[in-house]
Amino acid sequence: MIVPVSKENEKEWIELCITLWPDAIANLKGDMEIVTDIALKEKFWDSKYKGAYEQGTFTDPDFCVLRFTPKTGRLYANFTIADFEF
C-alpha cells in the first residue's frame, strides 16, 4: 500500500465507508496523519510482518502507522440518514 499522505501536508482529508450491518453504512470524514512515534509503531508491530519489510522490524522506514481523527460522519440505516460530528 502506498500511503496517500504527503509529508508536506500531513493532515489530509479522507473519507472512510464502513459497513456496520447488512442495511447500515457509515461514512466518516476526517484527518489522516503519519505516526512517527517509535513507541507507538512498536505497539502496532506484529512479528508476522517480518517477511513484508526488508529490515524485518518496526524501525523499517517502509513500516507505516496512520492515525485517523474523525471530524464528521453520516449514517445510512433503515431508509434514514443521520449526520453527526465528533
N, C-alpha and C. Protein backbone atom coordinates (compact mmCIF):
# COMPACT_ATOMS: atom_id res chain seq x y z
N MET A 1 0.83 -1.18 0.00
CA MET A 1 0.00 0.00 0.00
C MET A 1 0.88 1.24 0.00
N ILE A 2 0.56 2.17 -0.83
CA ILE A 2 1.26 3.45 -0.85
C ILE A 2 0.47 4.43 0.00
N VAL A 3 1.13 5.06 0.93
CA VAL A 3 0.46 5.99 1.84
C VAL A 3 0.11 7.26 1.08
N PRO A 4 -1.18 7.62 1.06
CA PRO A 4 -1.60 8.80 0.30
C PRO A 4 -1.41 10.11 1.04
N VAL A 5 -0.65 10.09 2.11
CA VAL A 5 -0.44 11.28 2.91
C VAL A 5 0.94 11.85 2.57
N SER A 6 0.99 13.10 2.20
CA SER A 6 2.27 13.69 1.88
C SER A 6 2.89 14.29 3.14
N LYS A 7 4.19 14.27 3.20
CA LYS A 7 4.86 14.84 4.38
C LYS A 7 4.75 16.36 4.39
N GLU A 8 4.52 16.96 3.24
CA GLU A 8 4.36 18.41 3.18
C GLU A 8 3.02 18.83 3.78
N ASN A 9 2.01 17.98 3.62
CA ASN A 9 0.68 18.27 4.14
C ASN A 9 0.24 17.06 4.95
N GLU A 10 0.71 16.97 6.19
CA GLU A 10 0.49 15.77 6.99
C GLU A 10 -0.96 15.55 7.39
N LYS A 11 -1.79 16.57 7.30
CA LYS A 11 -3.20 16.39 7.64
C LYS A 11 -4.01 16.39 6.35
N GLU A 12 -4.30 15.22 5.87
CA GLU A 12 -5.07 15.06 4.64
C GLU A 12 -6.52 14.74 5.00
N TRP A 13 -7.45 15.25 4.24
CA TRP A 13 -8.87 14.98 4.44
C TRP A 13 -9.21 13.71 3.67
N ILE A 14 -9.77 12.72 4.37
CA ILE A 14 -10.15 11.48 3.69
C ILE A 14 -11.57 11.10 4.10
N GLU A 15 -12.10 10.13 3.41
CA GLU A 15 -13.43 9.62 3.73
C GLU A 15 -13.36 8.10 3.78
N LEU A 16 -13.91 7.51 4.85
CA LEU A 16 -13.97 6.06 5.01
C LEU A 16 -15.42 5.62 4.94
N CYS A 17 -15.67 4.49 4.35
CA CYS A 17 -17.01 3.91 4.31
C CYS A 17 -16.96 2.60 5.08
N ILE A 18 -17.83 2.46 6.08
CA ILE A 18 -17.82 1.28 6.95
C ILE A 18 -19.19 0.63 6.92
N THR A 19 -19.23 -0.68 6.63
CA THR A 19 -20.49 -1.42 6.69
C THR A 19 -20.68 -1.88 8.13
N LEU A 20 -21.74 -1.41 8.75
CA LEU A 20 -22.00 -1.74 10.15
C LEU A 20 -22.80 -3.02 10.30
N TRP A 21 -23.80 -3.19 9.49
CA TRP A 21 -24.59 -4.41 9.41
C TRP A 21 -25.22 -4.40 8.03
N PRO A 22 -25.93 -5.44 7.61
CA PRO A 22 -26.37 -5.53 6.21
C PRO A 22 -27.13 -4.31 5.67
N ASP A 23 -27.86 -3.61 6.51
CA ASP A 23 -28.64 -2.48 5.98
C ASP A 23 -28.17 -1.14 6.56
N ALA A 24 -26.90 -1.05 6.96
CA ALA A 24 -26.39 0.20 7.51
C ALA A 24 -24.94 0.45 7.09
N ILE A 25 -24.68 1.68 6.68
CA ILE A 25 -23.34 2.09 6.27
C ILE A 25 -23.04 3.43 6.94
N ALA A 26 -21.81 3.61 7.38
CA ALA A 26 -21.39 4.90 7.94
C ALA A 26 -20.23 5.43 7.12
N ASN A 27 -20.29 6.69 6.77
CA ASN A 27 -19.17 7.39 6.14
C ASN A 27 -18.56 8.30 7.19
N LEU A 28 -17.24 8.24 7.34
CA LEU A 28 -16.54 9.10 8.27
C LEU A 28 -15.57 9.98 7.49
N LYS A 29 -15.54 11.26 7.82
CA LYS A 29 -14.60 12.19 7.20
C LYS A 29 -13.71 12.75 8.30
N GLY A 30 -12.43 12.89 7.98
CA GLY A 30 -11.52 13.42 8.98
C GLY A 30 -10.10 13.53 8.48
N ASP A 31 -9.18 13.70 9.39
CA ASP A 31 -7.78 13.89 9.07
C ASP A 31 -7.00 12.59 9.24
N MET A 32 -6.05 12.37 8.34
CA MET A 32 -5.16 11.21 8.41
C MET A 32 -3.75 11.75 8.52
N GLU A 33 -2.98 11.20 9.45
CA GLU A 33 -1.60 11.63 9.59
C GLU A 33 -0.68 10.43 9.80
N ILE A 34 0.57 10.60 9.43
CA ILE A 34 1.58 9.56 9.60
C ILE A 34 2.08 9.61 11.03
N VAL A 35 2.08 8.47 11.72
CA VAL A 35 2.58 8.38 13.10
C VAL A 35 4.10 8.21 13.04
N THR A 36 4.82 9.08 13.73
CA THR A 36 6.28 8.99 13.77
C THR A 36 6.79 8.53 15.14
N ASP A 37 5.92 8.42 16.12
CA ASP A 37 6.28 7.98 17.47
C ASP A 37 6.70 6.51 17.42
N ILE A 38 7.98 6.26 17.65
CA ILE A 38 8.54 4.91 17.52
C ILE A 38 7.91 3.93 18.51
N ALA A 39 7.55 4.40 19.71
CA ALA A 39 6.92 3.52 20.71
C ALA A 39 5.53 3.08 20.23
N LEU A 40 4.83 3.96 19.59
CA LEU A 40 3.50 3.62 19.07
C LEU A 40 3.63 2.67 17.88
N LYS A 41 4.63 2.90 17.03
CA LYS A 41 4.85 1.99 15.91
C LYS A 41 5.19 0.59 16.42
N GLU A 42 5.98 0.51 17.49
CA GLU A 42 6.34 -0.77 18.07
C GLU A 42 5.09 -1.47 18.62
N LYS A 43 4.19 -0.71 19.20
CA LYS A 43 2.95 -1.27 19.76
C LYS A 43 2.11 -1.96 18.67
N PHE A 44 2.10 -1.39 17.47
CA PHE A 44 1.30 -1.95 16.39
C PHE A 44 2.03 -3.00 15.56
N TRP A 45 3.31 -3.17 15.80
CA TRP A 45 4.10 -4.14 15.06
C TRP A 45 3.71 -5.56 15.46
N ASP A 46 3.66 -6.45 14.49
CA ASP A 46 3.40 -7.87 14.73
C ASP A 46 4.50 -8.66 14.03
N SER A 47 5.01 -9.68 14.66
CA SER A 47 6.11 -10.46 14.09
C SER A 47 5.74 -11.07 12.74
N LYS A 48 4.45 -11.21 12.46
CA LYS A 48 4.01 -11.74 11.15
C LYS A 48 4.38 -10.80 10.01
N TYR A 49 4.69 -9.53 10.32
CA TYR A 49 5.02 -8.54 9.29
C TYR A 49 6.47 -8.67 8.79
N LYS A 50 7.31 -9.45 9.49
CA LYS A 50 8.74 -9.52 9.17
C LYS A 50 9.03 -9.74 7.70
N GLY A 51 8.32 -10.67 7.09
CA GLY A 51 8.58 -11.01 5.70
C GLY A 51 8.23 -9.90 4.72
N ALA A 52 7.40 -8.97 5.13
CA ALA A 52 6.96 -7.90 4.23
C ALA A 52 7.89 -6.68 4.24
N TYR A 53 8.81 -6.64 5.21
CA TYR A 53 9.69 -5.48 5.36
C TYR A 53 11.14 -5.92 5.33
N GLU A 54 11.94 -5.20 4.55
CA GLU A 54 13.34 -5.57 4.33
C GLU A 54 14.11 -5.69 5.65
N GLN A 55 13.91 -4.75 6.57
CA GLN A 55 14.64 -4.80 7.84
C GLN A 55 13.98 -5.76 8.84
N GLY A 56 12.75 -6.15 8.57
CA GLY A 56 12.07 -7.12 9.42
C GLY A 56 11.74 -6.64 10.82
N THR A 57 11.60 -5.33 10.97
CA THR A 57 11.32 -4.76 12.29
C THR A 57 10.50 -3.47 12.14
N PHE A 58 9.92 -3.03 13.26
CA PHE A 58 9.09 -1.83 13.24
C PHE A 58 9.89 -0.56 12.94
N THR A 59 11.21 -0.64 12.98
CA THR A 59 12.03 0.53 12.66
C THR A 59 12.28 0.67 11.15
N ASP A 60 11.80 -0.30 10.37
CA ASP A 60 11.92 -0.22 8.91
C ASP A 60 11.22 1.06 8.43
N PRO A 61 11.88 1.86 7.60
CA PRO A 61 11.26 3.11 7.14
C PRO A 61 9.99 2.91 6.31
N ASP A 62 9.80 1.71 5.77
CA ASP A 62 8.59 1.44 4.99
C ASP A 62 7.40 1.05 5.87
N PHE A 63 7.64 0.68 7.13
CA PHE A 63 6.53 0.34 8.03
C PHE A 63 5.88 1.64 8.48
N CYS A 64 4.59 1.74 8.22
CA CYS A 64 3.89 3.00 8.46
C CYS A 64 2.62 2.76 9.27
N VAL A 65 2.41 3.58 10.27
CA VAL A 65 1.18 3.57 11.05
C VAL A 65 0.48 4.90 10.78
N LEU A 66 -0.80 4.82 10.48
CA LEU A 66 -1.58 6.03 10.21
C LEU A 66 -2.58 6.27 11.33
N ARG A 67 -2.79 7.52 11.67
CA ARG A 67 -3.77 7.90 12.70
C ARG A 67 -4.91 8.65 12.00
N PHE A 68 -6.11 8.12 12.16
CA PHE A 68 -7.30 8.76 11.59
C PHE A 68 -8.07 9.45 12.72
N THR A 69 -8.33 10.73 12.56
CA THR A 69 -9.10 11.51 13.53
C THR A 69 -10.40 11.92 12.84
N PRO A 70 -11.52 11.28 13.21
CA PRO A 70 -12.78 11.63 12.55
C PRO A 70 -13.26 13.02 12.95
N LYS A 71 -13.90 13.70 12.00
CA LYS A 71 -14.47 15.02 12.25
C LYS A 71 -16.00 14.99 12.13
N THR A 72 -16.47 14.38 11.05
CA THR A 72 -17.91 14.29 10.82
C THR A 72 -18.25 12.90 10.31
N GLY A 73 -19.53 12.58 10.33
CA GLY A 73 -19.97 11.29 9.81
C GLY A 73 -21.40 11.36 9.32
N ARG A 74 -21.76 10.36 8.58
CA ARG A 74 -23.13 10.21 8.08
C ARG A 74 -23.48 8.74 8.16
N LEU A 75 -24.62 8.45 8.80
CA LEU A 75 -25.11 7.08 8.95
C LEU A 75 -26.31 6.88 8.05
N TYR A 76 -26.25 5.84 7.24
CA TYR A 76 -27.38 5.43 6.40
C TYR A 76 -27.91 4.13 6.98
N ALA A 77 -29.12 4.14 7.52
CA ALA A 77 -29.69 2.93 8.12
C ALA A 77 -31.21 3.01 8.11
N ASN A 78 -31.83 1.87 7.83
CA ASN A 78 -33.30 1.78 7.87
C ASN A 78 -33.98 2.89 7.08
N PHE A 79 -33.45 3.18 5.88
CA PHE A 79 -34.01 4.19 4.99
C PHE A 79 -33.98 5.61 5.56
N THR A 80 -33.05 5.85 6.48
CA THR A 80 -32.88 7.19 7.02
C THR A 80 -31.41 7.59 6.94
N ILE A 81 -31.18 8.90 7.03
CA ILE A 81 -29.82 9.43 7.01
C ILE A 81 -29.64 10.31 8.25
N ALA A 82 -28.58 10.10 8.96
CA ALA A 82 -28.27 10.91 10.13
C ALA A 82 -26.84 11.44 10.05
N ASP A 83 -26.69 12.75 10.11
CA ASP A 83 -25.36 13.37 10.14
C ASP A 83 -24.94 13.58 11.59
N PHE A 84 -23.64 13.45 11.85
CA PHE A 84 -23.15 13.66 13.22
C PHE A 84 -21.72 14.19 13.17
N GLU A 85 -21.31 14.77 14.30
CA GLU A 85 -19.95 15.30 14.45
C GLU A 85 -19.28 14.66 15.65
N PHE A 86 -17.96 14.65 15.63
CA PHE A 86 -17.20 14.10 16.75
C PHE A 86 -16.69 15.24 17.61
